[in-house]
């Protein structure tokens, strides 16, 4: 019985570590991009232009990404608070077999946001 439990715990631990490593690896380019942007900020163009043409002042005034960003911040904050609460509560009681996995889950939520 104990061997089966240890095997299950080690698989859970391995998947938690692998998930954290993948998240760090995949977000590294975004972090580097944000840092390079902060070092040398470029002035924003007043009117958006791409290969399809130029946006009008009216279309620029109508565009807003505020609502999706608000939802993103709210849901990521809720996920982080939930995972941190589970990890803290798990630490306060008798240590569960998933103590490390709970903290890895909380660490993953810290980086799960749009840069």
PDB file of N, CA and C in Angstrom:
ATOM      1  N   UNK A   1       0.827  -1.189   0.000  1.00  0.00           N
ATOM      2  CA  UNK A   1       0.000   0.000   0.000  1.00  0.00           C
ATOM      3  C   UNK A   1       0.874   1.257   0.000  1.00  0.00           C
ATOM      4  N   UNK A   2       1.939   1.264   0.825  1.00  0.00           N
ATOM      5  CA  UNK A   2       2.808   2.430   0.921  1.00  0.00           C
ATOM      6  C   UNK A   2       3.573   2.649  -0.373  1.00  0.00           C
ATOM      7  N   UNK A   3       4.001   1.561  -1.028  1.00  0.00           N
ATOM      8  CA  UNK A   3       4.727   1.696  -2.280  1.00  0.00           C
ATOM      9  C   UNK A   3       3.859   2.328  -3.357  1.00  0.00           C
ATOM     10  N   UNK A   4       2.589   1.922  -3.422  1.00  0.00           N
ATOM     11  CA  UNK A   4       1.683   2.508  -4.403  1.00  0.00           C
ATOM     12  C   UNK A   4       1.482   3.989  -4.129  1.00  0.00           C
ATOM     13  N   UNK A   5       1.366   4.362  -2.855  1.00  0.00           N
ATOM     14  CA  UNK A   5       1.152   5.753  -2.485  1.00  0.00           C
ATOM     15  C   UNK A   5       2.385   6.590  -2.827  1.00  0.00           C
ATOM     16  N   UNK A   6       3.578   6.060  -2.538  1.00  0.00           N
ATOM     17  CA  UNK A   6       4.803   6.783  -2.857  1.00  0.00           C
ATOM     18  C   UNK A   6       4.977   6.943  -4.353  1.00  0.00           C
ATOM     19  N   UNK A   7       4.595   5.921  -5.109  1.00  0.00           N
ATOM     20  CA  UNK A   7       4.691   5.996  -6.563  1.00  0.00           C
ATOM     21  C   UNK A   7       3.759   7.079  -7.106  1.00  0.00           C
ATOM     22  N   UNK A   8       2.553   7.141  -6.552  1.00  0.00           N
ATOM     23  CA  UNK A   8       1.585   8.150  -6.975  1.00  0.00           C
ATOM     24  C   UNK A   8       2.077   9.550  -6.600  1.00  0.00           C
ATOM     25  N   UNK A   9       2.642   9.693  -5.399  1.00  0.00           N
ATOM     26  CA  UNK A   9       3.167  10.979  -4.960  1.00  0.00           C
ATOM     27  C   UNK A   9       4.325  11.426  -5.835  1.00  0.00           C
ATOM     28  N   UNK A  10       5.208  10.507  -6.186  1.00  0.00           N
ATOM     29  CA  UNK A  10       6.353  10.886  -7.004  1.00  0.00           C
ATOM     30  C   UNK A  10       5.923  11.293  -8.407  1.00  0.00           C
ATOM     31  N   UNK A  11       4.884  10.650  -8.945  1.00  0.00           N
ATOM     32  CA  UNK A  11       4.366  11.069 -10.252  1.00  0.00           C
ATOM     33  C   UNK A  11       3.739  12.455 -10.157  1.00  0.00           C
ATOM     34  N   UNK A  12       3.016  12.702  -9.086  1.00  0.00           N
ATOM     35  CA  UNK A  12       2.394  14.008  -8.891  1.00  0.00           C
ATOM     36  C   UNK A  12       3.457  15.086  -8.730  1.00  0.00           C
ATOM     37  N   UNK A  13       4.502  14.792  -7.979  1.00  0.00           N
ATOM     38  CA  UNK A  13       5.594  15.733  -7.793  1.00  0.00           C
ATOM     39  C   UNK A  13       6.300  15.998  -9.118  1.00  0.00           C
ATOM     40  N   UNK A  14       6.558  14.955  -9.872  1.00  0.00           N
ATOM     41  CA  UNK A  14       7.229  15.114 -11.158  1.00  0.00           C
ATOM     42  C   UNK A  14       6.396  15.960 -12.118  1.00  0.00           C
ATOM     43  N   UNK A  15       5.089  15.745 -12.141  1.00  0.00           N
ATOM     44  CA  UNK A  15       4.248  16.542 -13.032  1.00  0.00           C
ATOM     45  C   UNK A  15       4.179  17.995 -12.566  1.00  0.00           C
ATOM     46  N   UNK A  16       4.196  18.242 -11.269  1.00  0.00           N
ATOM     47  CA  UNK A  16       4.210  19.610 -10.756  1.00  0.00           C
ATOM     48  C   UNK A  16       5.485  20.337 -11.120  1.00  0.00           C
ATOM     49  N   UNK A  17       6.617  19.665 -10.971  1.00  0.00           N
ATOM     50  CA  UNK A  17       7.902  20.267 -11.331  1.00  0.00           C
ATOM     51  C   UNK A  17       7.973  20.494 -12.836  1.00  0.00           C
ATOM     52  N   UNK A  18       7.511  19.519 -13.616  1.00  0.00           N
ATOM     53  CA  UNK A  18       7.530  19.666 -15.070  1.00  0.00           C
ATOM     54  C   UNK A  18       6.628  20.822 -15.509  1.00  0.00           C
ATOM     55  N   UNK A  19       5.458  20.944 -14.894  1.00  0.00           N
ATOM     56  CA  UNK A  19       4.549  22.042 -15.237  1.00  0.00           C
ATOM     57  C   UNK A  19       5.159  23.393 -14.922  1.00  0.00           C
ATOM     58  N   UNK A  20       5.795  23.516 -13.767  1.00  0.00           N
ATOM     59  CA  UNK A  20       6.448  24.774 -13.399  1.00  0.00           C
ATOM     60  C   UNK A  20       7.588  25.096 -14.353  1.00  0.00           C
ATOM     61  N   UNK A  21       8.377  24.093 -14.708  1.00  0.00           N
ATOM     62  CA  UNK A  21       9.491  24.310 -15.633  1.00  0.00           C
ATOM     63  C   UNK A  21       8.990  24.736 -17.013  1.00  0.00           C
ATOM     64  N   UNK A  22       7.926  24.115 -17.486  1.00  0.00           N
ATOM     65  CA  UNK A  22       7.372  24.480 -18.794  1.00  0.00           C
ATOM     66  C   UNK A  22       6.846  25.911 -18.771  1.00  0.00           C
ATOM     67  N   UNK A  23       6.156  26.288 -17.707  1.00  0.00           N
ATOM     68  CA  UNK A  23       5.638  27.654 -17.600  1.00  0.00           C
ATOM     69  C   UNK A  23       6.787  28.662 -17.595  1.00  0.00           C
ATOM     70  N   UNK A  24       7.828  28.384 -16.822  1.00  0.00           N
ATOM     71  CA  UNK A  24       8.976  29.284 -16.793  1.00  0.00           C
ATOM     72  C   UNK A  24       9.639  29.374 -18.169  1.00  0.00           C
ATOM     73  N   UNK A  25       9.796  28.243 -18.823  1.00  0.00           N
ATOM     74  CA  UNK A  25      10.425  28.216 -20.145  1.00  0.00           C
ATOM     75  C   UNK A  25       9.601  28.988 -21.172  1.00  0.00           C
ATOM     76  N   UNK A  26       8.283  28.815 -21.147  1.00  0.00           N
ATOM     77  CA  UNK A  26       7.432  29.466 -22.143  1.00  0.00           C
ATOM     78  C   UNK A  26       7.221  30.954 -21.871  1.00  0.00           C
ATOM     79  N   UNK A  27       7.374  31.386 -20.640  1.00  0.00           N
ATOM     80  CA  UNK A  27       7.181  32.806 -20.345  1.00  0.00           C
ATOM     81  C   UNK A  27       8.485  33.592 -20.374  1.00  0.00           C
ATOM     82  N   UNK A  28       9.606  32.918 -20.484  1.00  0.00           N
ATOM     83  CA  UNK A  28      10.884  33.610 -20.531  1.00  0.00           C
ATOM     84  C   UNK A  28      10.966  34.610 -21.688  1.00  0.00           C
ATOM     85  N   UNK A  29      10.551  34.277 -22.918  1.00  0.00           N
ATOM     86  CA  UNK A  29      10.591  35.277 -23.994  1.00  0.00           C
ATOM     87  C   UNK A  29       9.742  36.515 -23.693  1.00  0.00           C
ATOM     88  N   UNK A  30       8.593  36.326 -23.058  1.00  0.00           N
ATOM     89  CA  UNK A  30       7.742  37.469 -22.722  1.00  0.00           C
ATOM     90  C   UNK A  30       8.422  38.356 -21.683  1.00  0.00           C
ATOM     91  N   UNK A  31       9.050  37.741 -20.686  1.00  0.00           N
ATOM     92  CA  UNK A  31       9.741  38.515 -19.656  1.00  0.00           C
ATOM     93  C   UNK A  31      10.898  39.293 -20.276  1.00  0.00           C
ATOM     94  N   UNK A  32      11.659  38.659 -21.151  1.00  0.00           N
ATOM     95  CA  UNK A  32      12.771  39.340 -21.827  1.00  0.00           C
ATOM     96  C   UNK A  32      12.240  40.487 -22.676  1.00  0.00           C
ATOM     97  N   UNK A  33      11.115  40.271 -23.374  1.00  0.00           N
ATOM     98  CA  UNK A  33      10.523  41.323 -24.182  1.00  0.00           C
ATOM     99  C   UNK A  33      10.065  42.511 -23.354  1.00  0.00           C
ATOM    100  N   UNK A  34       9.450  42.240 -22.212  1.00  0.00           N
ATOM    101  CA  UNK A  34       8.996  43.330 -21.335  1.00  0.00           C
ATOM    102  C   UNK A  34      10.198  44.102 -20.799  1.00  0.00           C
ATOM    103  N   UNK A  35      11.233  43.391 -20.373  1.00  0.00           N
ATOM    104  CA  UNK A  35      12.415  44.069 -19.842  1.00  0.00           C
ATOM    105  C   UNK A  35      13.100  44.920 -20.905  1.00  0.00           C
ATOM    106  N   UNK A  36      13.205  44.412 -22.123  1.00  0.00           N
ATOM    107  CA  UNK A  36      13.831  45.202 -23.184  1.00  0.00           C
ATOM    108  C   UNK A  36      12.961  46.396 -23.556  1.00  0.00           C
ATOM    109  N   UNK A  37      11.639  46.226 -23.495  1.00  0.00           N
ATOM    110  CA  UNK A  37      10.735  47.345 -23.783  1.00  0.00           C
ATOM    111  C   UNK A  37      10.853  48.429 -22.711  1.00  0.00           C
ATOM    112  N   UNK A  38      11.017  48.020 -21.461  1.00  0.00           N
ATOM    113  CA  UNK A  38      11.142  48.993 -20.380  1.00  0.00           C
ATOM    114  C   UNK A  38      12.469  49.749 -20.452  1.00  0.00           C
ATOM    115  N   UNK A  39      13.490  49.099 -20.979  1.00  0.00           N
ATOM    116  CA  UNK A  39      14.786  49.769 -21.098  1.00  0.00           C
ATOM    117  C   UNK A  39      14.774  50.841 -22.170  1.00  0.00           C
ATOM    118  N   UNK A  40      14.170  50.539 -23.297  1.00  0.00           N
ATOM    119  CA  UNK A  40      14.139  51.497 -24.408  1.00  0.00           C
ATOM    120  C   UNK A  40      12.710  51.654 -24.907  1.00  0.00           C
ATOM    121  N   UNK A  41      11.903  52.422 -24.194  1.00  0.00           N
ATOM    122  CA  UNK A  41      10.524  52.610 -24.653  1.00  0.00           C
ATOM    123  C   UNK A  41      10.487  53.428 -25.947  1.00  0.00           C
ATOM    124  N   UNK A  42       9.617  53.041 -26.816  1.00  0.00           N
ATOM    125  CA  UNK A  42       9.443  53.741 -28.088  1.00  0.00           C
ATOM    126  C   UNK A  42       8.130  54.507 -28.029  1.00  0.00           C
ATOM    127  N   UNK A  43       8.101  55.675 -28.619  1.00  0.00           N
ATOM    128  CA  UNK A  43       6.840  56.426 -28.603  1.00  0.00           C
ATOM    129  C   UNK A  43       5.769  55.683 -29.399  1.00  0.00           C
ATOM    130  N   UNK A  44       4.559  55.689 -28.859  1.00  0.00           N
ATOM    131  CA  UNK A  44       3.455  55.029 -29.543  1.00  0.00           C
ATOM    132  C   UNK A  44       2.975  55.894 -30.708  1.00  0.00           C
ATOM    133  N   UNK A  45       2.673  55.258 -31.814  1.00  0.00           N
ATOM    134  CA  UNK A  45       2.112  56.059 -32.911  1.00  0.00           C
ATOM    135  C   UNK A  45       0.703  56.520 -32.533  1.00  0.00           C
ATOM    136  N   UNK A  46       0.333  57.673 -32.993  1.00  0.00           N
ATOM    137  CA  UNK A  46      -0.976  58.224 -32.654  1.00  0.00           C
ATOM    138  C   UNK A  46      -2.087  57.473 -33.368  1.00  0.00           C
ATOM    139  N   UNK A  47      -1.819  56.998 -34.557  1.00  0.00           N
ATOM    140  CA  UNK A  47      -2.798  56.259 -35.343  1.00  0.00           C
ATOM    141  C   UNK A  47      -2.212  54.889 -35.656  1.00  0.00           C
ATOM    142  N   UNK A  48      -3.019  53.845 -35.461  1.00  0.00           N
ATOM    143  CA  UNK A  48      -2.569  52.478 -35.735  1.00  0.00           C
ATOM    144  C   UNK A  48      -2.474  52.264 -37.242  1.00  0.00           C
ATOM    145  N   UNK A  49      -1.385  51.627 -37.662  1.00  0.00           N
ATOM    146  CA  UNK A  49      -1.194  51.344 -39.080  1.00  0.00           C
ATOM    147  C   UNK A  49      -0.573  49.967 -39.226  1.00  0.00           C
ATOM    148  N   UNK A  50      -1.096  49.177 -40.176  1.00  0.00           N
ATOM    149  CA  UNK A  50      -0.510  47.886 -40.503  1.00  0.00           C
ATOM    150  C   UNK A  50      -0.607  47.682 -42.003  1.00  0.00           C
ATOM    151  N   UNK A  51      -0.358  46.450 -42.463  1.00  0.00           N
ATOM    152  CA  UNK A  51      -0.329  46.207 -43.906  1.00  0.00           C
ATOM    153  C   UNK A  51      -1.704  46.371 -44.566  1.00  0.00           C
ATOM    154  N   UNK A  52      -2.776  46.316 -43.773  1.00  0.00           N
ATOM    155  CA  UNK A  52      -4.123  46.473 -44.331  1.00  0.00           C
ATOM    156  C   UNK A  52      -4.538  47.928 -44.476  1.00  0.00           C
ATOM    157  N   UNK A  53      -3.833  48.813 -43.839  1.00  0.00           N
ATOM    158  CA  UNK A  53      -4.170  50.228 -43.957  1.00  0.00           C
ATOM    159  C   UNK A  53      -4.005  50.956 -42.636  1.00  0.00           C
ATOM    160  N   UNK A  54      -4.618  52.136 -42.592  1.00  0.00           N
ATOM    161  CA  UNK A  54      -4.493  53.011 -41.428  1.00  0.00           C
ATOM    162  C   UNK A  54      -5.842  53.100 -40.730  1.00  0.00           C
ATOM    163  N   UNK A  55      -5.818  53.043 -39.417  1.00  0.00           N
ATOM    164  CA  UNK A  55      -7.048  53.168 -38.638  1.00  0.00           C
ATOM    165  C   UNK A  55      -7.478  54.634 -38.593  1.00  0.00           C
ATOM    166  N   UNK A  56      -8.770  54.839 -38.541  1.00  0.00           N
ATOM    167  CA  UNK A  56      -9.290  56.198 -38.430  1.00  0.00           C
ATOM    168  C   UNK A  56      -9.306  56.604 -36.960  1.00  0.00           C
ATOM    169  N   UNK A  57      -9.410  57.878 -36.720  1.00  0.00           N
ATOM    170  CA  UNK A  57      -9.486  58.374 -35.346  1.00  0.00           C
ATOM    171  C   UNK A  57     -10.712  57.833 -34.630  1.00  0.00           C
ATOM    172  N   UNK A  58     -11.813  57.679 -35.384  1.00  0.00           N
ATOM    173  CA  UNK A  58     -13.055  57.150 -34.805  1.00  0.00           C
ATOM    174  C   UNK A  58     -12.892  55.695 -34.369  1.00  0.00           C
ATOM    175  N   UNK A  59     -12.265  54.882 -35.226  1.00  0.00           N
ATOM    176  CA  UNK A  59     -12.083  53.474 -34.870  1.00  0.00           C
ATOM    177  C   UNK A  59     -11.105  53.326 -33.704  1.00  0.00           C
ATOM    178  N   UNK A  60     -10.113  54.211 -33.627  1.00  0.00           N
ATOM    179  CA  UNK A  60      -9.175  54.178 -32.503  1.00  0.00           C
ATOM    180  C   UNK A  60      -9.887  54.549 -31.201  1.00  0.00           C
ATOM    181  N   UNK A  61     -10.812  55.496 -31.270  1.00  0.00           N
ATOM    182  CA  UNK A  61     -11.540  55.917 -30.076  1.00  0.00           C
ATOM    183  C   UNK A  61     -12.479  54.818 -29.589  1.00  0.00           C
ATOM    184  N   UNK A  62     -13.033  54.015 -30.511  1.00  0.00           N
ATOM    185  CA  UNK A  62     -13.968  52.947 -30.138  1.00  0.00           C
ATOM    186  C   UNK A  62     -13.264  51.730 -29.548  1.00  0.00           C
ATOM    187  N   UNK A  63     -12.019  51.502 -29.939  1.00  0.00           N
ATOM    188  CA  UNK A  63     -11.318  50.295 -29.504  1.00  0.00           C
ATOM    189  C   UNK A  63     -10.906  50.412 -28.042  1.00  0.00           C
ATOM    190  N   UNK A  64     -11.176  49.365 -27.298  1.00  0.00           N
ATOM    191  CA  UNK A  64     -10.740  49.310 -25.906  1.00  0.00           C
ATOM    192  C   UNK A  64     -10.552  47.852 -25.509  1.00  0.00           C
ATOM    193  N   UNK A  65      -9.433  47.569 -24.873  1.00  0.00           N
ATOM    194  CA  UNK A  65      -9.167  46.224 -24.359  1.00  0.00           C
ATOM    195  C   UNK A  65      -9.289  46.214 -22.844  1.00  0.00           C
ATOM    196  N   UNK A  66      -9.948  47.223 -22.305  1.00  0.00           N
ATOM    197  CA  UNK A  66     -10.040  47.360 -20.851  1.00  0.00           C
ATOM    198  C   UNK A  66     -10.817  46.222 -20.204  1.00  0.00           C
ATOM    199  N   UNK A  67     -11.977  45.857 -20.759  1.00  0.00           N
ATOM    200  CA  UNK A  67     -12.806  44.812 -20.150  1.00  0.00           C
ATOM    201  C   UNK A  67     -12.117  43.445 -20.122  1.00  0.00           C
ATOM    202  N   UNK A  68     -11.524  42.979 -21.234  1.00  0.00           N
ATOM    203  CA  UNK A  68     -10.807  41.697 -21.160  1.00  0.00           C
ATOM    204  C   UNK A  68      -9.643  41.724 -20.163  1.00  0.00           C
ATOM    205  N   UNK A  69      -8.960  42.859 -20.067  1.00  0.00           N
ATOM    206  CA  UNK A  69      -7.846  42.955 -19.125  1.00  0.00           C
ATOM    207  C   UNK A  69      -8.347  42.927 -17.685  1.00  0.00           C
ATOM    208  N   UNK A  70      -9.486  43.546 -17.437  1.00  0.00           N
ATOM    209  CA  UNK A  70     -10.061  43.514 -16.086  1.00  0.00           C
ATOM    210  C   UNK A  70     -10.422  42.075 -15.710  1.00  0.00           C
ATOM    211  N   UNK A  71     -11.084  41.351 -16.644  1.00  0.00           N
ATOM    212  CA  UNK A  71     -11.431  39.953 -16.387  1.00  0.00           C
ATOM    213  C   UNK A  71     -10.172  39.116 -16.130  1.00  0.00           C
ATOM    214  N   UNK A  72      -9.147  39.336 -16.913  1.00  0.00           N
ATOM    215  CA  UNK A  72      -7.898  38.594 -16.757  1.00  0.00           C
ATOM    216  C   UNK A  72      -7.304  38.814 -15.370  1.00  0.00           C
ATOM    217  N   UNK A  73      -7.227  40.060 -14.949  1.00  0.00           N
ATOM    218  CA  UNK A  73      -6.651  40.372 -13.644  1.00  0.00           C
ATOM    219  C   UNK A  73      -7.490  39.758 -12.519  1.00  0.00           C
ATOM    220  N   UNK A  74      -8.815  39.875 -12.623  1.00  0.00           N
ATOM    221  CA  UNK A  74      -9.693  39.349 -11.568  1.00  0.00           C
ATOM    222  C   UNK A  74      -9.561  37.836 -11.447  1.00  0.00           C
ATOM    223  N   UNK A  75      -9.633  37.124 -12.575  1.00  0.00           N
ATOM    224  CA  UNK A  75      -9.585  35.666 -12.512  1.00  0.00           C
ATOM    225  C   UNK A  75      -8.206  35.134 -12.122  1.00  0.00           C
ATOM    226  N   UNK A  76      -7.145  35.797 -12.557  1.00  0.00           N
ATOM    227  CA  UNK A  76      -5.809  35.367 -12.143  1.00  0.00           C
ATOM    228  C   UNK A  76      -5.621  35.624 -10.651  1.00  0.00           C
ATOM    229  N   UNK A  77      -6.117  36.756 -10.163  1.00  0.00           N
ATOM    230  CA  UNK A  77      -6.015  37.041  -8.730  1.00  0.00           C
ATOM    231  C   UNK A  77      -6.797  36.008  -7.915  1.00  0.00           C
ATOM    232  N   UNK A  78      -7.987  35.646  -8.378  1.00  0.00           N
ATOM    233  CA  UNK A  78      -8.771  34.622  -7.680  1.00  0.00           C
ATOM    234  C   UNK A  78      -8.056  33.273  -7.686  1.00  0.00           C
ATOM    235  N   UNK A  79      -7.483  32.898  -8.816  1.00  0.00           N
ATOM    236  CA  UNK A  79      -6.745  31.634  -8.897  1.00  0.00           C
ATOM    237  C   UNK A  79      -5.529  31.632  -7.988  1.00  0.00           C
ATOM    238  N   UNK A  80      -4.800  32.754  -7.964  1.00  0.00           N
ATOM    239  CA  UNK A  80      -3.622  32.849  -7.097  1.00  0.00           C
ATOM    240  C   UNK A  80      -4.025  32.781  -5.627  1.00  0.00           C
ATOM    241  N   UNK A  81      -5.062  33.516  -5.255  1.00  0.00           N
ATOM    242  CA  UNK A  81      -5.514  33.498  -3.854  1.00  0.00           C
ATOM    243  C   UNK A  81      -5.980  32.111  -3.436  1.00  0.00           C
ATOM    244  N   UNK A  82      -6.691  31.432  -4.327  1.00  0.00           N
ATOM    245  CA  UNK A  82      -7.164  30.086  -4.008  1.00  0.00           C
ATOM    246  C   UNK A  82      -6.005  29.109  -3.842  1.00  0.00           C
ATOM    247  N   UNK A  83      -5.068  29.137  -4.777  1.00  0.00           N
ATOM    248  CA  UNK A  83      -3.945  28.198  -4.686  1.00  0.00           C
ATOM    249  C   UNK A  83      -3.053  28.513  -3.494  1.00  0.00           C
ATOM    250  N   UNK A  84      -2.854  29.802  -3.198  1.00  0.00           N
ATOM    251  CA  UNK A  84      -2.042  30.164  -2.035  1.00  0.00           C
ATOM    252  C   UNK A  84      -2.742  29.749  -0.746  1.00  0.00           C
ATOM    253  N   UNK A  85      -4.053  29.939  -0.690  1.00  0.00           N
ATOM    254  CA  UNK A  85      -4.800  29.535   0.511  1.00  0.00           C
ATOM    255  C   UNK A  85      -4.712  28.028   0.731  1.00  0.00           C
ATOM    256  N   UNK A  86      -4.847  27.264  -0.345  1.00  0.00           N
ATOM    257  CA  UNK A  86      -4.738  25.802  -0.218  1.00  0.00           C
ATOM    258  C   UNK A  86      -3.347  25.396   0.255  1.00  0.00           C
ATOM    259  N   UNK A  87      -2.328  26.044  -0.280  1.00  0.00           N
ATOM    260  CA  UNK A  87      -0.959  25.715   0.125  1.00  0.00           C
ATOM    261  C   UNK A  87      -0.714  26.105   1.580  1.00  0.00           C
ATOM    262  N   UNK A  88      -1.188  27.268   1.988  1.00  0.00           N
ATOM    263  CA  UNK A  88      -0.982  27.714   3.369  1.00  0.00           C
ATOM    264  C   UNK A  88      -1.753  26.832   4.342  1.00  0.00           C
ATOM    265  N   UNK A  89      -3.010  26.541   4.027  1.00  0.00           N
ATOM    266  CA  UNK A  89      -3.799  25.677   4.906  1.00  0.00           C
ATOM    267  C   UNK A  89      -3.213  24.277   4.986  1.00  0.00           C
ATOM    268  N   UNK A  90      -2.677  23.790   3.882  1.00  0.00           N
ATOM    269  CA  UNK A  90      -2.026  22.484   3.894  1.00  0.00           C
ATOM    270  C   UNK A  90      -0.767  22.476   4.736  1.00  0.00           C
ATOM    271  N   UNK A  91      -0.080  23.613   4.788  1.00  0.00           N
ATOM    272  CA  UNK A  91       1.147  23.716   5.573  1.00  0.00           C
ATOM    273  C   UNK A  91       0.839  23.815   7.065  1.00  0.00           C
ATOM    274  N   UNK A  92      -0.256  24.492   7.418  1.00  0.00           N
ATOM    275  CA  UNK A  92      -0.588  24.702   8.831  1.00  0.00           C
ATOM    276  C   UNK A  92      -0.987  23.420   9.551  1.00  0.00           C
ATOM    277  N   UNK A  93      -1.711  22.554   8.856  1.00  0.00           N
ATOM    278  CA  UNK A  93      -2.130  21.300   9.477  1.00  0.00           C
ATOM    279  C   UNK A  93      -1.004  20.293   9.429  1.00  0.00           C
ATOM    280  N   UNK A  94      -1.360  19.045   9.630  1.00  0.00           N
ATOM    281  CA  UNK A  94      -0.347  18.006   9.479  1.00  0.00           C
ATOM    282  C   UNK A  94       0.014  17.949   7.997  1.00  0.00           C
ATOM    283  N   UNK A  95       1.293  17.895   7.672  1.00  0.00           N
ATOM    284  CA  UNK A  95       1.701  17.983   6.267  1.00  0.00           C
ATOM    285  C   UNK A  95       1.060  16.896   5.401  1.00  0.00           C
ATOM    286  N   UNK A  96       0.282  17.291   4.401  1.00  0.00           N
ATOM    287  CA  UNK A  96      -0.321  16.303   3.507  1.00  0.00           C
ATOM    288  C   UNK A  96       0.734  15.769   2.534  1.00  0.00           C
ATOM    289  N   UNK A  97       0.429  14.697   1.867  1.00  0.00           N
ATOM    290  CA  UNK A  97       1.401  14.162   0.910  1.00  0.00           C
ATOM    291  C   UNK A  97       1.578  15.061  -0.310  1.00  0.00           C
ATOM    292  N   UNK A  98       0.694  16.037  -0.476  1.00  0.00           N
ATOM    293  CA  UNK A  98       0.797  16.922  -1.642  1.00  0.00           C
ATOM    294  C   UNK A  98       1.282  18.313  -1.271  1.00  0.00           C
ATOM    295  N   UNK A  99       2.037  18.444  -0.206  1.00  0.00           N
ATOM    296  CA  UNK A  99       2.498  19.752   0.264  1.00  0.00           C
ATOM    297  C   UNK A  99       3.318  20.474  -0.797  1.00  0.00           C
ATOM    298  N   UNK A 100       4.305  19.808  -1.352  1.00  0.00           N
ATOM    299  CA  UNK A 100       5.155  20.439  -2.365  1.00  0.00           C
ATOM    300  C   UNK A 100       4.369  20.757  -3.627  1.00  0.00           C
ATOM    301  N   UNK A 101       3.466  19.867  -4.018  1.00  0.00           N
ATOM    302  CA  UNK A 101       2.662  20.101  -5.217  1.00  0.00           C
ATOM    303  C   UNK A 101       1.760  21.322  -5.046  1.00  0.00           C
ATOM    304  N   UNK A 102       1.217  21.512  -3.826  1.00  0.00           N
ATOM    305  CA  UNK A 102       0.376  22.683  -3.564  1.00  0.00           C
ATOM    306  C   UNK A 102       1.167  23.972  -3.738  1.00  0.00           C
ATOM    307  N   UNK A 103       2.397  24.001  -3.249  1.00  0.00           N
ATOM    308  CA  UNK A 103       3.219  25.204  -3.390  1.00  0.00           C
ATOM    309  C   UNK A 103       3.675  25.403  -4.827  1.00  0.00           C
ATOM    310  N   UNK A 104       3.927  24.324  -5.559  1.00  0.00           N
ATOM    311  CA  UNK A 104       4.258  24.457  -6.981  1.00  0.00           C
ATOM    312  C   UNK A 104       3.073  25.019  -7.754  1.00  0.00           C
ATOM    313  N   UNK A 105       1.870  24.601  -7.404  1.00  0.00           N
ATOM    314  CA  UNK A 105       0.670  25.133  -8.041  1.00  0.00           C
ATOM    315  C   UNK A 105       0.544  26.629  -7.773  1.00  0.00           C
ATOM    316  N   UNK A 106       0.798  27.057  -6.552  1.00  0.00           N
ATOM    317  CA  UNK A 106       0.745  28.486  -6.228  1.00  0.00           C
ATOM    318  C   UNK A 106       1.814  29.254  -7.008  1.00  0.00           C
ATOM    319  N   UNK A 107       2.996  28.676  -7.143  1.00  0.00           N
ATOM    320  CA  UNK A 107       4.062  29.335  -7.912  1.00  0.00           C
ATOM    321  C   UNK A 107       3.678  29.475  -9.377  1.00  0.00           C
ATOM    322  N   UNK A 108       2.977  28.503  -9.917  1.00  0.00           N
ATOM    323  CA  UNK A 108       2.542  28.586 -11.305  1.00  0.00           C
ATOM    324  C   UNK A 108       1.548  29.724 -11.503  1.00  0.00           C
ATOM    325  N   UNK A 109       0.669  29.957 -10.532  1.00  0.00           N
ATOM    326  CA  UNK A 109      -0.302  31.041 -10.654  1.00  0.00           C
ATOM    327  C   UNK A 109       0.360  32.419 -10.587  1.00  0.00           C
ATOM    328  N   UNK A 110       1.512  32.520  -9.923  1.00  0.00           N
ATOM    329  CA  UNK A 110       2.187  33.805  -9.840  1.00  0.00           C
ATOM    330  C   UNK A 110       2.589  34.266 -11.230  1.00  0.00           C
ATOM    331  N   UNK A 111       3.011  33.362 -12.080  1.00  0.00           N
ATOM    332  CA  UNK A 111       3.478  33.734 -13.412  1.00  0.00           C
ATOM    333  C   UNK A 111       2.380  33.649 -14.473  1.00  0.00           C
ATOM    334  N   UNK A 112       1.179  33.229 -14.126  1.00  0.00           N
ATOM    335  CA  UNK A 112       0.123  33.095 -15.112  1.00  0.00           C
ATOM    336  C   UNK A 112      -0.602  34.419 -15.275  1.00  0.00           C
ATOM    337  N   UNK A 113       0.028  35.319 -16.001  1.00  0.00           N
ATOM    338  CA  UNK A 113      -0.614  36.600 -16.294  1.00  0.00           C
ATOM    339  C   UNK A 113      -0.070  37.137 -17.597  1.00  0.00           C
ATOM    340  N   UNK A 114      -0.765  38.078 -18.160  1.00  0.00           N
ATOM    341  CA  UNK A 114      -0.368  38.693 -19.418  1.00  0.00           C
ATOM    342  C   UNK A 114       0.651  39.785 -19.130  1.00  0.00           C
ATOM    343  N   UNK A 115       1.865  39.731 -19.707  1.00  0.00           N
ATOM    344  CA  UNK A 115       2.879  40.741 -19.395  1.00  0.00           C
ATOM    345  C   UNK A 115       2.532  42.107 -19.925  1.00  0.00           C
TER     346      UNK A 115
END
